């Protein structure tokens, strides 16, 4: 059984990432379905974070791309299952693909974390800082 609300592992990832990469925060927990669909969002499980970053200007695009690349490079240790950013989606199984969902994710990175890292086998702030 998992608790409702923000999962500790993702809260820690957000804390380190906001400080280190100067990202904004659109939040973690939102009890809702995926936009335009009926499937429950990972936000409703507290294991998806929307990191505010603007892909429509060159500095924001670089910052978002750099952060995405760090997450991808360390996805196994971090428990990252999906990243949506600037009309692209990345998963460990599929790699980078075009994203055609309702929201293009040009003003934020959508980051999903596994249950294991989000709630059960949570990394310390020091471990996260070393990976990011």
Protein backbone atom coordinates (compact mmCIF):
# COMPACT_ATOMS: atom_id res chain seq x y z
CA UNK A 1 0.00 0.00 0.00
CA UNK A 2 1.34 3.43 -0.92
CA UNK A 3 0.42 6.75 0.57
CA UNK A 4 -1.57 9.35 -1.31
CA UNK A 5 0.20 12.57 -2.24
CA UNK A 6 3.76 13.43 -3.13
CA UNK A 7 6.15 10.46 -2.91
CA UNK A 8 9.35 11.13 -0.94
CA UNK A 9 11.80 10.03 -3.63
CA UNK A 10 10.33 12.46 -6.15
CA UNK A 11 10.19 15.26 -3.56
CA UNK A 12 13.93 14.79 -3.04
CA UNK A 13 14.63 14.74 -6.79
CA UNK A 14 12.67 17.99 -7.13
CA UNK A 15 14.52 19.63 -4.23
CA UNK A 16 17.99 18.87 -5.64
CA UNK A 17 16.98 19.66 -9.25
CA UNK A 18 15.39 23.03 -8.47
CA UNK A 19 18.47 24.11 -6.53
CA UNK A 20 21.10 22.72 -8.92
CA UNK A 21 19.48 23.48 -12.29
CA UNK A 22 17.39 26.53 -11.32
CA UNK A 23 14.22 24.86 -12.58
CA UNK A 24 10.77 26.06 -11.63
CA UNK A 25 8.14 23.85 -10.06
CA UNK A 26 4.69 23.12 -11.49
CA UNK A 27 4.16 20.44 -8.87
CA UNK A 28 3.92 16.72 -8.26
CA UNK A 29 0.56 15.64 -6.89
CA UNK A 30 -2.65 16.20 -8.82
CA UNK A 31 -5.48 13.68 -8.56
CA UNK A 32 -6.55 13.58 -12.21
CA UNK A 33 -6.50 11.66 -15.46
CA UNK A 34 -4.01 12.17 -18.28
CA UNK A 35 -5.03 15.30 -20.23
CA UNK A 36 -7.50 14.35 -22.95
CA UNK A 37 -7.85 10.75 -21.72
CA UNK A 38 -9.32 8.46 -19.10
CA UNK A 39 -6.13 6.83 -17.77
CA UNK A 40 -5.05 7.93 -14.28
CA UNK A 41 -2.06 10.28 -14.41
CA UNK A 42 1.17 9.41 -12.59
CA UNK A 43 0.62 12.78 -10.88
CA UNK A 44 -2.36 11.16 -9.13
CA UNK A 45 0.08 8.59 -7.71
CA UNK A 46 2.50 11.33 -6.61
CA UNK A 47 5.30 10.01 -8.80
CA UNK A 48 5.36 12.52 -11.67
CA UNK A 49 6.88 15.98 -11.43
CA UNK A 50 6.49 18.89 -13.84
CA UNK A 51 9.75 20.87 -13.82
CA UNK A 52 9.16 24.37 -15.17
CA UNK A 53 11.50 25.27 -18.03
CA UNK A 54 10.82 27.18 -21.27
CA UNK A 55 11.81 25.39 -24.50
CA UNK A 56 10.72 28.39 -26.56
CA UNK A 57 13.85 30.41 -25.76
CA UNK A 58 17.43 29.28 -26.35
CA UNK A 59 18.58 29.42 -22.71
CA UNK A 60 15.55 27.47 -21.49
CA UNK A 61 15.86 24.93 -24.27
CA UNK A 62 19.52 24.31 -23.43
CA UNK A 63 18.77 24.04 -19.70
CA UNK A 64 15.89 21.61 -20.31
CA UNK A 65 17.88 19.51 -22.78
CA UNK A 66 20.87 19.34 -20.41
CA UNK A 67 18.68 18.30 -17.48
CA UNK A 68 16.82 15.72 -19.59
CA UNK A 69 20.13 14.26 -20.76
CA UNK A 70 21.40 13.91 -17.17
CA UNK A 71 18.19 12.12 -16.18
CA UNK A 72 18.44 9.78 -19.16
CA UNK A 73 22.11 9.01 -18.50
CA UNK A 74 21.28 8.08 -14.88
CA UNK A 75 17.73 6.77 -15.36
CA UNK A 76 18.34 3.31 -13.90
CA UNK A 77 19.82 4.60 -10.64
CA UNK A 78 17.26 7.41 -10.40
CA UNK A 79 14.27 5.21 -11.27
CA UNK A 80 13.21 7.43 -14.18
CA UNK A 81 10.54 5.71 -16.29
CA UNK A 82 9.47 8.50 -18.65
CA UNK A 83 10.39 12.05 -19.63
CA UNK A 84 8.23 14.26 -21.84
CA UNK A 85 9.84 17.49 -23.03
CA UNK A 86 9.47 19.78 -26.02
CA UNK A 87 7.31 17.47 -28.17
CA UNK A 88 9.45 14.40 -27.44
CA UNK A 89 9.00 11.48 -25.08
CA UNK A 90 11.73 9.23 -23.73
CA UNK A 91 11.36 5.83 -22.07
CA UNK A 92 14.05 3.21 -21.36
CA UNK A 93 12.34 0.73 -23.70
CA UNK A 94 11.62 3.02 -26.66
CA UNK A 95 14.28 5.71 -26.37
CA UNK A 96 13.41 9.13 -27.77
CA UNK A 97 10.25 9.43 -29.88
CA UNK A 98 7.95 12.16 -31.13
CA UNK A 99 5.32 13.12 -28.55
CA UNK A 100 1.88 13.86 -29.98
CA UNK A 101 -0.11 14.22 -26.77
CA UNK A 102 -2.54 17.04 -26.08
CA UNK A 103 0.05 19.18 -24.21
CA UNK A 104 3.36 19.68 -26.11
CA UNK A 105 5.43 20.10 -22.91
CA UNK A 106 7.29 23.18 -24.15
CA UNK A 107 7.01 24.98 -20.81
CA UNK A 108 7.97 22.05 -18.56
CA UNK A 109 9.60 18.63 -18.38
CA UNK A 110 7.26 15.87 -17.25
CA UNK A 111 9.29 13.33 -15.26
CA UNK A 112 7.93 9.98 -14.04
CA UNK A 113 9.66 7.91 -11.37
CA UNK A 114 9.24 4.22 -10.56
CA UNK A 115 7.38 3.17 -7.42
CA UNK A 116 10.60 1.64 -6.10
CA UNK A 117 12.57 4.92 -6.18
CA UNK A 118 9.59 7.17 -5.47
CA UNK A 119 8.27 5.46 -2.37
CA UNK A 120 10.17 2.35 -1.27
CA UNK A 121 13.90 2.45 -2.02
CA UNK A 122 14.34 6.21 -1.80
CA UNK A 123 17.77 7.71 -2.52
CA UNK A 124 19.32 10.11 -0.03
CA UNK A 125 19.81 13.76 -0.94
CA UNK A 126 23.55 13.11 -1.17
CA UNK A 127 23.08 10.14 -3.53
CA UNK A 128 20.75 12.21 -5.72
CA UNK A 129 23.12 15.16 -5.79
CA UNK A 130 25.96 12.90 -6.94
CA UNK A 131 23.82 11.50 -9.78
CA UNK A 132 22.57 14.89 -10.93
